Amino acid sequence: FSSNLSNAIFDNAQLFTAALQDSNLSGIIAINADFTSTNLRRTNLTNVTMTGANLSHAALDGAFEFDGDWSNVIWFATICPDGSVQDSSCF
């Protein structure tokens, strides 16, 4: 992995346009965090809490172990793990 950020807390964090590709984000808590246009390609998203996160224009293609709490996430032109682009949800 590029970065090991497992179990980090990003509550209300401003992570827009961050380059987090190939990172281990397992177990992160990112309540109301802004991931707008963030590169999350090929990241480990095991057991994450992304409640209320903004994933508009974020790239999640190739992300794996895509589970956890994804309630109230903002999806708009988001590239999902399967490569599709969604405006409502990647699930």
PDB file of N, CA and C in Angstrom:
ATOM      1  N   PHE A   1       0.825  -1.185   0.000  1.00  0.00           N
ATOM      2  CA  PHE A   1       0.000   0.000   0.000  1.00  0.00           C
ATOM      3  C   PHE A   1       0.873   1.254   0.000  1.00  0.00           C
ATOM      4  N   SER A   2       0.361   2.320  -0.610  1.00  0.00           N
ATOM      5  CA  SER A   2       1.074   3.596  -0.593  1.00  0.00           C
ATOM      6  C   SER A   2       1.111   4.176   0.810  1.00  0.00           C
ATOM      7  N   SER A   3      -0.050   4.231   1.457  1.00  0.00           N
ATOM      8  CA  SER A   3      -0.142   4.775   2.814  1.00  0.00           C
ATOM      9  C   SER A   3      -0.995   3.848   3.664  1.00  0.00           C
ATOM     10  N   ASN A   4      -0.624   3.706   4.906  1.00  0.00           N
ATOM     11  CA  ASN A   4      -1.434   2.941   5.838  1.00  0.00           C
ATOM     12  C   ASN A   4      -2.128   3.924   6.762  1.00  0.00           C
ATOM     13  N   LEU A   5      -3.387   4.179   6.481  1.00  0.00           N
ATOM     14  CA  LEU A   5      -4.184   5.105   7.280  1.00  0.00           C
ATOM     15  C   LEU A   5      -5.284   4.353   8.028  1.00  0.00           C
ATOM     16  N   SER A   6      -5.090   3.053   8.228  1.00  0.00           N
ATOM     17  CA  SER A   6      -6.125   2.245   8.875  1.00  0.00           C
ATOM     18  C   SER A   6      -6.462   2.805  10.250  1.00  0.00           C
ATOM     19  N   ASN A   7      -7.749   2.774  10.529  1.00  0.00           N
ATOM     20  CA  ASN A   7      -8.319   3.222  11.805  1.00  0.00           C
ATOM     21  C   ASN A   7      -8.153   4.723  12.076  1.00  0.00           C
ATOM     22  N   ALA A   8      -7.803   5.497  11.069  1.00  0.00           N
ATOM     23  CA  ALA A   8      -7.704   6.955  11.237  1.00  0.00           C
ATOM     24  C   ALA A   8      -9.109   7.554  11.388  1.00  0.00           C
ATOM     25  N   ILE A   9      -9.177   8.702  12.016  1.00  0.00           N
ATOM     26  CA  ILE A   9     -10.446   9.409  12.179  1.00  0.00           C
ATOM     27  C   ILE A   9     -10.373  10.694  11.363  1.00  0.00           C
ATOM     28  N   PHE A  10     -11.328  10.818  10.427  1.00  0.00           N
ATOM     29  CA  PHE A  10     -11.391  11.969   9.532  1.00  0.00           C
ATOM     30  C   PHE A  10     -12.723  12.696   9.677  1.00  0.00           C
ATOM     31  N   ASP A  11     -13.262  12.802  10.873  1.00  0.00           N
ATOM     32  CA  ASP A  11     -14.549  13.472  11.067  1.00  0.00           C
ATOM     33  C   ASP A  11     -14.467  14.923  10.601  1.00  0.00           C
ATOM     34  N   ASN A  12     -15.389  15.291   9.714  1.00  0.00           N
ATOM     35  CA  ASN A  12     -15.477  16.646   9.156  1.00  0.00           C
ATOM     36  C   ASN A  12     -14.196  17.084   8.450  1.00  0.00           C
ATOM     37  N   ALA A  13     -13.369  16.149   8.054  1.00  0.00           N
ATOM     38  CA  ALA A  13     -12.102  16.475   7.381  1.00  0.00           C
ATOM     39  C   ALA A  13     -12.345  16.958   5.958  1.00  0.00           C
ATOM     40  N   GLN A  14     -11.478  17.823   5.481  1.00  0.00           N
ATOM     41  CA  GLN A  14     -11.512  18.333   4.107  1.00  0.00           C
ATOM     42  C   GLN A  14     -10.414  17.617   3.328  1.00  0.00           C
ATOM     43  N   LEU A  15     -10.765  16.527   2.667  1.00  0.00           N
ATOM     44  CA  LEU A  15      -9.792  15.710   1.937  1.00  0.00           C
ATOM     45  C   LEU A  15      -9.978  15.815   0.426  1.00  0.00           C
ATOM     46  N   PHE A  16     -10.666  16.855  -0.033  1.00  0.00           N
ATOM     47  CA  PHE A  16     -10.941  16.984  -1.467  1.00  0.00           C
ATOM     48  C   PHE A  16      -9.632  17.042  -2.250  1.00  0.00           C
ATOM     49  N   THR A  17      -9.646  16.357  -3.358  1.00  0.00           N
ATOM     50  CA  THR A  17      -8.529  16.195  -4.307  1.00  0.00           C
ATOM     51  C   THR A  17      -7.320  15.462  -3.717  1.00  0.00           C
ATOM     52  N   ALA A  18      -7.466  14.807  -2.579  1.00  0.00           N
ATOM     53  CA  ALA A  18      -6.342  14.059  -2.002  1.00  0.00           C
ATOM     54  C   ALA A  18      -5.986  12.861  -2.872  1.00  0.00           C
ATOM     55  N   ALA A  19      -4.721  12.518  -2.897  1.00  0.00           N
ATOM     56  CA  ALA A  19      -4.228  11.354  -3.650  1.00  0.00           C
ATOM     57  C   ALA A  19      -4.019  10.210  -2.658  1.00  0.00           C
ATOM     58  N   LEU A  20      -5.056   9.400  -2.486  1.00  0.00           N
ATOM     59  CA  LEU A  20      -5.001   8.296  -1.526  1.00  0.00           C
ATOM     60  C   LEU A  20      -5.008   6.933  -2.215  1.00  0.00           C
ATOM     61  N   GLN A  21      -4.769   6.906  -3.519  1.00  0.00           N
ATOM     62  CA  GLN A  21      -4.819   5.647  -4.247  1.00  0.00           C
ATOM     63  C   GLN A  21      -3.848   4.625  -3.642  1.00  0.00           C
ATOM     64  N   ASP A  22      -4.229   3.355  -3.751  1.00  0.00           N
ATOM     65  CA  ASP A  22      -3.415   2.231  -3.276  1.00  0.00           C
ATOM     66  C   ASP A  22      -3.158   2.264  -1.770  1.00  0.00           C
ATOM     67  N   SER A  23      -4.010   2.931  -1.004  1.00  0.00           N
ATOM     68  CA  SER A  23      -3.807   3.051   0.443  1.00  0.00           C
ATOM     69  C   SER A  23      -4.673   2.065   1.214  1.00  0.00           C
ATOM     70  N   ASN A  24      -4.262   1.796   2.438  1.00  0.00           N
ATOM     71  CA  ASN A  24      -5.047   0.990   3.354  1.00  0.00           C
ATOM     72  C   ASN A  24      -5.867   1.932   4.212  1.00  0.00           C
ATOM     73  N   LEU A  25      -7.178   1.979   3.949  1.00  0.00           N
ATOM     74  CA  LEU A  25      -8.081   2.835   4.702  1.00  0.00           C
ATOM     75  C   LEU A  25      -9.026   2.003   5.560  1.00  0.00           C
ATOM     76  N   SER A  26      -8.676   0.768   5.825  1.00  0.00           N
ATOM     77  CA  SER A  26      -9.563  -0.114   6.586  1.00  0.00           C
ATOM     78  C   SER A  26      -9.829   0.465   7.968  1.00  0.00           C
ATOM     79  N   GLY A  27     -11.093   0.404   8.362  1.00  0.00           N
ATOM     80  CA  GLY A  27     -11.492   0.843   9.684  1.00  0.00           C
ATOM     81  C   GLY A  27     -11.540   2.340   9.907  1.00  0.00           C
ATOM     82  N   ILE A  28     -11.389   3.155   8.847  1.00  0.00           N
ATOM     83  CA  ILE A  28     -11.418   4.611   9.064  1.00  0.00           C
ATOM     84  C   ILE A  28     -12.820   5.061   9.467  1.00  0.00           C
ATOM     85  N   ILE A  29     -12.862   6.161  10.167  1.00  0.00           N
ATOM     86  CA  ILE A  29     -14.118   6.818  10.514  1.00  0.00           C
ATOM     87  C   ILE A  29     -14.062   8.192   9.852  1.00  0.00           C
ATOM     88  N   ALA A  30     -14.958   8.408   8.901  1.00  0.00           N
ATOM     89  CA  ALA A  30     -14.945   9.646   8.114  1.00  0.00           C
ATOM     90  C   ALA A  30     -16.352  10.226   8.064  1.00  0.00           C
ATOM     91  N   ILE A  31     -16.852  10.638   9.205  1.00  0.00           N
ATOM     92  CA  ILE A  31     -18.204  11.189   9.302  1.00  0.00           C
ATOM     93  C   ILE A  31     -18.201  12.624   8.773  1.00  0.00           C
ATOM     94  N   ASN A  32     -19.071  12.871   7.794  1.00  0.00           N
ATOM     95  CA  ASN A  32     -19.209  14.189   7.153  1.00  0.00           C
ATOM     96  C   ASN A  32     -17.900  14.692   6.544  1.00  0.00           C
ATOM     97  N   ALA A  33     -17.023  13.802   6.159  1.00  0.00           N
ATOM     98  CA  ALA A  33     -15.755  14.195   5.530  1.00  0.00           C
ATOM     99  C   ALA A  33     -15.984  14.521   4.055  1.00  0.00           C
ATOM    100  N   ASP A  34     -15.192  15.422   3.523  1.00  0.00           N
ATOM    101  CA  ASP A  34     -15.301  15.831   2.122  1.00  0.00           C
ATOM    102  C   ASP A  34     -14.192  15.167   1.309  1.00  0.00           C
ATOM    103  N   PHE A  35     -14.592  14.164   0.509  1.00  0.00           N
ATOM    104  CA  PHE A  35     -13.682  13.452  -0.381  1.00  0.00           C
ATOM    105  C   PHE A  35     -13.915  13.860  -1.833  1.00  0.00           C
ATOM    106  N   THR A  36     -14.458  15.045  -2.084  1.00  0.00           N
ATOM    107  CA  THR A  36     -14.738  15.494  -3.446  1.00  0.00           C
ATOM    108  C   THR A  36     -13.477  15.403  -4.304  1.00  0.00           C
ATOM    109  N   SER A  37     -13.600  14.748  -5.443  1.00  0.00           N
ATOM    110  CA  SER A  37     -12.516  14.588  -6.420  1.00  0.00           C
ATOM    111  C   SER A  37     -11.275  13.891  -5.864  1.00  0.00           C
ATOM    112  N   THR A  38     -11.443  13.117  -4.804  1.00  0.00           N
ATOM    113  CA  THR A  38     -10.319  12.384  -4.218  1.00  0.00           C
ATOM    114  C   THR A  38     -10.063  11.094  -4.974  1.00  0.00           C
ATOM    115  N   ASN A  39      -8.797  10.751  -5.143  1.00  0.00           N
ATOM    116  CA  ASN A  39      -8.397   9.513  -5.795  1.00  0.00           C
ATOM    117  C   ASN A  39      -8.311   8.415  -4.729  1.00  0.00           C
ATOM    118  N   LEU A  40      -9.300   7.516  -4.750  1.00  0.00           N
ATOM    119  CA  LEU A  40      -9.360   6.390  -3.823  1.00  0.00           C
ATOM    120  C   LEU A  40      -9.230   5.067  -4.576  1.00  0.00           C
ATOM    121  N   ARG A  41      -8.598   5.110  -5.737  1.00  0.00           N
ATOM    122  CA  ARG A  41      -8.454   3.908  -6.564  1.00  0.00           C
ATOM    123  C   ARG A  41      -7.647   2.844  -5.832  1.00  0.00           C
ATOM    124  N   ARG A  42      -8.126   1.619  -5.938  1.00  0.00           N
ATOM    125  CA  ARG A  42      -7.445   0.426  -5.420  1.00  0.00           C
ATOM    126  C   ARG A  42      -7.188   0.493  -3.910  1.00  0.00           C
ATOM    127  N   THR A  43      -8.030   1.229  -3.166  1.00  0.00           N
ATOM    128  CA  THR A  43      -7.856   1.312  -1.722  1.00  0.00           C
ATOM    129  C   THR A  43      -8.567   0.166  -1.015  1.00  0.00           C
ATOM    130  N   ASN A  44      -8.082  -0.167   0.159  1.00  0.00           N
ATOM    131  CA  ASN A  44      -8.723  -1.151   1.016  1.00  0.00           C
ATOM    132  C   ASN A  44      -9.740  -0.406   1.866  1.00  0.00           C
ATOM    133  N   LEU A  45     -11.011  -0.700   1.659  1.00  0.00           N
ATOM    134  CA  LEU A  45     -12.093  -0.015   2.360  1.00  0.00           C
ATOM    135  C   LEU A  45     -12.861  -0.977   3.259  1.00  0.00           C
ATOM    136  N   THR A  46     -12.139  -1.839   3.958  1.00  0.00           N
ATOM    137  CA  THR A  46     -12.752  -2.806   4.853  1.00  0.00           C
ATOM    138  C   THR A  46     -13.275  -2.116   6.104  1.00  0.00           C
ATOM    139  N   ASN A  47     -14.549  -2.362   6.412  1.00  0.00           N
ATOM    140  CA  ASN A  47     -15.154  -1.922   7.669  1.00  0.00           C
ATOM    141  C   ASN A  47     -14.974  -0.429   7.945  1.00  0.00           C
ATOM    142  N   VAL A  48     -15.275   0.391   6.941  1.00  0.00           N
ATOM    143  CA  VAL A  48     -15.150   1.841   7.096  1.00  0.00           C
ATOM    144  C   VAL A  48     -16.480   2.459   7.542  1.00  0.00           C
ATOM    145  N   THR A  49     -16.405   3.625   8.147  1.00  0.00           N
ATOM    146  CA  THR A  49     -17.584   4.417   8.471  1.00  0.00           C
ATOM    147  C   THR A  49     -17.470   5.704   7.664  1.00  0.00           C
ATOM    148  N   MET A  50     -18.336   5.825   6.658  1.00  0.00           N
ATOM    149  CA  MET A  50     -18.318   6.987   5.769  1.00  0.00           C
ATOM    150  C   MET A  50     -19.636   7.751   5.868  1.00  0.00           C
ATOM    151  N   THR A  51     -20.264   7.748   7.007  1.00  0.00           N
ATOM    152  CA  THR A  51     -21.569   8.371   7.198  1.00  0.00           C
ATOM    153  C   THR A  51     -21.533   9.848   6.825  1.00  0.00           C
ATOM    154  N   GLY A  52     -22.382  10.227   5.859  1.00  0.00           N
ATOM    155  CA  GLY A  52     -22.491  11.617   5.446  1.00  0.00           C
ATOM    156  C   GLY A  52     -21.314  12.149   4.651  1.00  0.00           C
ATOM    157  N   ALA A  53     -20.404  11.280   4.238  1.00  0.00           N
ATOM    158  CA  ALA A  53     -19.233  11.735   3.466  1.00  0.00           C
ATOM    159  C   ALA A  53     -19.662  12.211   2.081  1.00  0.00           C
ATOM    160  N   ASN A  54     -18.918  13.161   1.543  1.00  0.00           N
ATOM    161  CA  ASN A  54     -19.156  13.659   0.193  1.00  0.00           C
ATOM    162  C   ASN A  54     -18.145  12.988  -0.733  1.00  0.00           C
ATOM    163  N   LEU A  55     -18.646  12.124  -1.624  1.00  0.00           N
ATOM    164  CA  LEU A  55     -17.796  11.419  -2.582  1.00  0.00           C
ATOM    165  C   LEU A  55     -18.072  11.877  -4.012  1.00  0.00           C
ATOM    166  N   SER A  56     -18.538  13.108  -4.170  1.00  0.00           N
ATOM    167  CA  SER A  56     -18.775  13.651  -5.505  1.00  0.00           C
ATOM    168  C   SER A  56     -17.474  13.678  -6.296  1.00  0.00           C
ATOM    169  N   HIS A  57     -17.532  13.169  -7.500  1.00  0.00           N
ATOM    170  CA  HIS A  57     -16.394  13.133  -8.426  1.00  0.00           C
ATOM    171  C   HIS A  57     -15.206  12.320  -7.905  1.00  0.00           C
ATOM    172  N   ALA A  58     -15.384  11.566  -6.832  1.00  0.00           N
ATOM    173  CA  ALA A  58     -14.292  10.731  -6.309  1.00  0.00           C
ATOM    174  C   ALA A  58     -14.114   9.503  -7.199  1.00  0.00           C
ATOM    175  N   ALA A  59     -12.906   8.978  -7.230  1.00  0.00           N
ATOM    176  CA  ALA A  59     -12.593   7.779  -8.014  1.00  0.00           C
ATOM    177  C   ALA A  59     -12.332   6.617  -7.058  1.00  0.00           C
ATOM    178  N   LEU A  60     -13.259   5.644  -7.074  1.00  0.00           N
ATOM    179  CA  LEU A  60     -13.153   4.463  -6.219  1.00  0.00           C
ATOM    180  C   LEU A  60     -12.898   3.202  -7.033  1.00  0.00           C
ATOM    181  N   ASP A  61     -12.617   3.346  -8.322  1.00  0.00           N
ATOM    182  CA  ASP A  61     -12.461   2.157  -9.154  1.00  0.00           C
ATOM    183  C   ASP A  61     -11.306   1.293  -8.645  1.00  0.00           C
ATOM    184  N   GLY A  62     -11.598   0.008  -8.570  1.00  0.00           N
ATOM    185  CA  GLY A  62     -10.615  -0.955  -8.090  1.00  0.00           C
ATOM    186  C   GLY A  62     -10.537  -1.061  -6.582  1.00  0.00           C
ATOM    187  N   ALA A  63     -11.305  -0.231  -5.845  1.00  0.00           N
ATOM    188  CA  ALA A  63     -11.317  -0.341  -4.385  1.00  0.00           C
ATOM    189  C   ALA A  63     -11.869  -1.721  -4.015  1.00  0.00           C
ATOM    190  N   PHE A  64     -11.366  -2.279  -2.926  1.00  0.00           N
ATOM    191  CA  PHE A  64     -11.816  -3.618  -2.548  1.00  0.00           C
ATOM    192  C   PHE A  64     -12.218  -3.679  -1.081  1.00  0.00           C
ATOM    193  N   GLU A  65     -12.922  -4.773  -0.772  1.00  0.00           N
ATOM    194  CA  GLU A  65     -13.503  -4.956   0.558  1.00  0.00           C
ATOM    195  C   GLU A  65     -14.356  -3.739   0.901  1.00  0.00           C
ATOM    196  N   PHE A  66     -15.204  -3.395  -0.030  1.00  0.00           N
ATOM    197  CA  PHE A  66     -16.046  -2.200   0.010  1.00  0.00           C
ATOM    198  C   PHE A  66     -17.221  -2.454   0.949  1.00  0.00           C
ATOM    199  N   ASP A  67     -16.998  -2.304   2.262  1.00  0.00           N
ATOM    200  CA  ASP A  67     -18.081  -2.556   3.206  1.00  0.00           C
ATOM    201  C   ASP A  67     -18.013  -1.576   4.372  1.00  0.00           C
ATOM    202  N   GLY A  68     -18.955  -1.695   5.284  1.00  0.00           N
ATOM    203  CA  GLY A  68     -19.027  -0.801   6.433  1.00  0.00           C
ATOM    204  C   GLY A  68     -20.289   0.034   6.382  1.00  0.00           C
ATOM    205  N   ASP A  69     -20.261   1.209   6.990  1.00  0.00           N
ATOM    206  CA  ASP A  69     -21.412   2.103   7.065  1.00  0.00           C
ATOM    207  C   ASP A  69     -21.242   3.237   6.053  1.00  0.00           C
ATOM    208  N   TRP A  70     -22.054   3.181   5.003  1.00  0.00           N
ATOM    209  CA  TRP A  70     -22.008   4.181   3.928  1.00  0.00           C
ATOM    210  C   TRP A  70     -23.331   4.952   3.875  1.00  0.00           C
ATOM    211  N   SER A  71     -23.950   5.174   5.027  1.00  0.00           N
ATOM    212  CA  SER A  71     -25.253   5.844   5.051  1.00  0.00           C
ATOM    213  C   SER A  71     -25.101   7.351   4.819  1.00  0.00           C
ATOM    214  N   ASN A  72     -26.073   7.886   4.105  1.00  0.00           N
ATOM    215  CA  ASN A  72     -26.166   9.327   3.816  1.00  0.00           C
ATOM    216  C   ASN A  72     -24.965   9.888   3.060  1.00  0.00           C
ATOM    217  N   VAL A  73     -24.288   9.041   2.311  1.00  0.00           N
ATOM    218  CA  VAL A  73     -23.154   9.503   1.493  1.00  0.00           C
ATOM    219  C   VAL A  73     -23.678  10.289   0.303  1.00  0.00           C
ATOM    220  N   ILE A  74     -22.965  11.331  -0.068  1.00  0.00           N
ATOM    221  CA  ILE A  74     -23.293  12.120  -1.261  1.00  0.00           C
ATOM    222  C   ILE A  74     -22.514  11.517  -2.424  1.00  0.00           C
ATOM    223  N   TRP A  75     -23.253  11.014  -3.411  1.00  0.00           N
ATOM    224  CA  TRP A  75     -22.659  10.431  -4.616  1.00  0.00           C
ATOM    225  C   TRP A  75     -23.038  11.336  -5.785  1.00  0.00           C
ATOM    226  N   PHE A  76     -22.091  11.802  -6.536  1.00  0.00           N
ATOM    227  CA  PHE A  76     -22.391  12.552  -7.759  1.00  0.00           C
ATOM    228  C   PHE A  76     -21.201  12.374  -8.690  1.00  0.00           C
ATOM    229  N   ALA A  77     -21.470  11.783  -9.844  1.00  0.00           N
ATOM    230  CA  ALA A  77     -20.410  11.507 -10.821  1.00  0.00           C
ATOM    231  C   ALA A  77     -19.247  10.762 -10.160  1.00  0.00           C
ATOM    232  N   THR A  78     -19.592   9.848  -9.265  1.00  0.00           N
ATOM    233  CA  THR A  78     -18.597   9.056  -8.538  1.00  0.00           C
ATOM    234  C   THR A  78     -18.246   7.823  -9.350  1.00  0.00           C
ATOM    235  N   ILE A  79     -16.963   7.545  -9.493  1.00  0.00           N
ATOM    236  CA  ILE A  79     -16.529   6.324 -10.169  1.00  0.00           C
ATOM    237  C   ILE A  79     -16.501   5.222  -9.114  1.00  0.00           C
ATOM    238  N   CYS A  80     -17.371   4.244  -9.282  1.00  0.00           N
ATOM    239  CA  CYS A  80     -17.531   3.161  -8.316  1.00  0.00           C
ATOM    240  C   CYS A  80     -16.453   2.092  -8.488  1.00  0.00           C
ATOM    241  N   PRO A  81     -16.325   1.183  -7.499  1.00  0.00           N
ATOM    242  CA  PRO A  81     -15.309   0.124  -7.596  1.00  0.00           C
ATOM    243  C   PRO A  81     -15.397  -0.708  -8.880  1.00  0.00           C
ATOM    244  N   ASP A  82     -16.607  -0.872  -9.423  1.00  0.00           N
ATOM    245  CA  ASP A  82     -16.748  -1.658 -10.648  1.00  0.00           C
ATOM    246  C   ASP A  82     -16.486  -0.831 -11.917  1.00  0.00           C
ATOM    247  N   GLY A  83     -16.136   0.443 -11.767  1.00  0.00           N
ATOM    248  CA  GLY A  83     -15.823   1.296 -12.902  1.00  0.00           C
ATOM    249  C   GLY A  83     -17.012   2.095 -13.423  1.00  0.00           C
ATOM    250  N   SER A  84     -18.217   1.795 -12.941  1.00  0.00           N
ATOM    251  CA  SER A  84     -19.395   2.553 -13.371  1.00  0.00           C
ATOM    252  C   SER A  84     -19.391   3.931 -12.701  1.00  0.00           C
ATOM    253  N   VAL A  85     -20.074   4.878 -13.327  1.00  0.00           N
ATOM    254  CA  VAL A  85     -20.191   6.223 -12.766  1.00  0.00           C
ATOM    255  C   VAL A  85     -21.618   6.368 -12.259  1.00  0.00           C
ATOM    256  N   GLN A  86     -21.760   6.753 -10.986  1.00  0.00           N
ATOM    257  CA  GLN A  86     -23.068   6.811 -10.352  1.00  0.00           C
ATOM    258  C   GLN A  86     -23.321   8.169  -9.712  1.00  0.00           C
ATOM    259  N   ASP A  87     -24.599   8.538  -9.686  1.00  0.00           N
ATOM    260  CA  ASP A  87     -25.027   9.764  -9.021  1.00  0.00           C
ATOM    261  C   ASP A  87     -25.841   9.479  -7.776  1.00  0.00           C
ATOM    262  N   SER A  88     -26.164   8.196  -7.536  1.00  0.00           N
ATOM    263  CA  SER A  88     -27.027   7.900  -6.385  1.00  0.00           C
ATOM    264  C   SER A  88     -26.368   6.965  -5.378  1.00  0.00           C
ATOM    265  N   SER A  89     -25.628   5.961  -5.815  1.00  0.00           N
ATOM    266  CA  SER A  89     -24.961   5.032  -4.897  1.00  0.00           C
ATOM    267  C   SER A  89     -24.107   4.064  -5.681  1.00  0.00           C
ATOM    268  N   CYS A  90     -23.028   3.621  -5.070  1.00  0.00           N
ATOM    269  CA  CYS A  90     -22.176   2.593  -5.688  1.00  0.00           C
ATOM    270  C   CYS A  90     -22.589   1.187  -5.254  1.00  0.00           C
ATOM    271  N   PHE A  91     -23.658   1.096  -4.431  1.00  0.00           N
ATOM    272  CA  PHE A  91     -24.111  -0.225  -3.968  1.00  0.00           C
ATOM    273  C   PHE A  91     -25.249  -0.721  -4.795  1.00  0.00           C
TER     274      PHE A  91
END
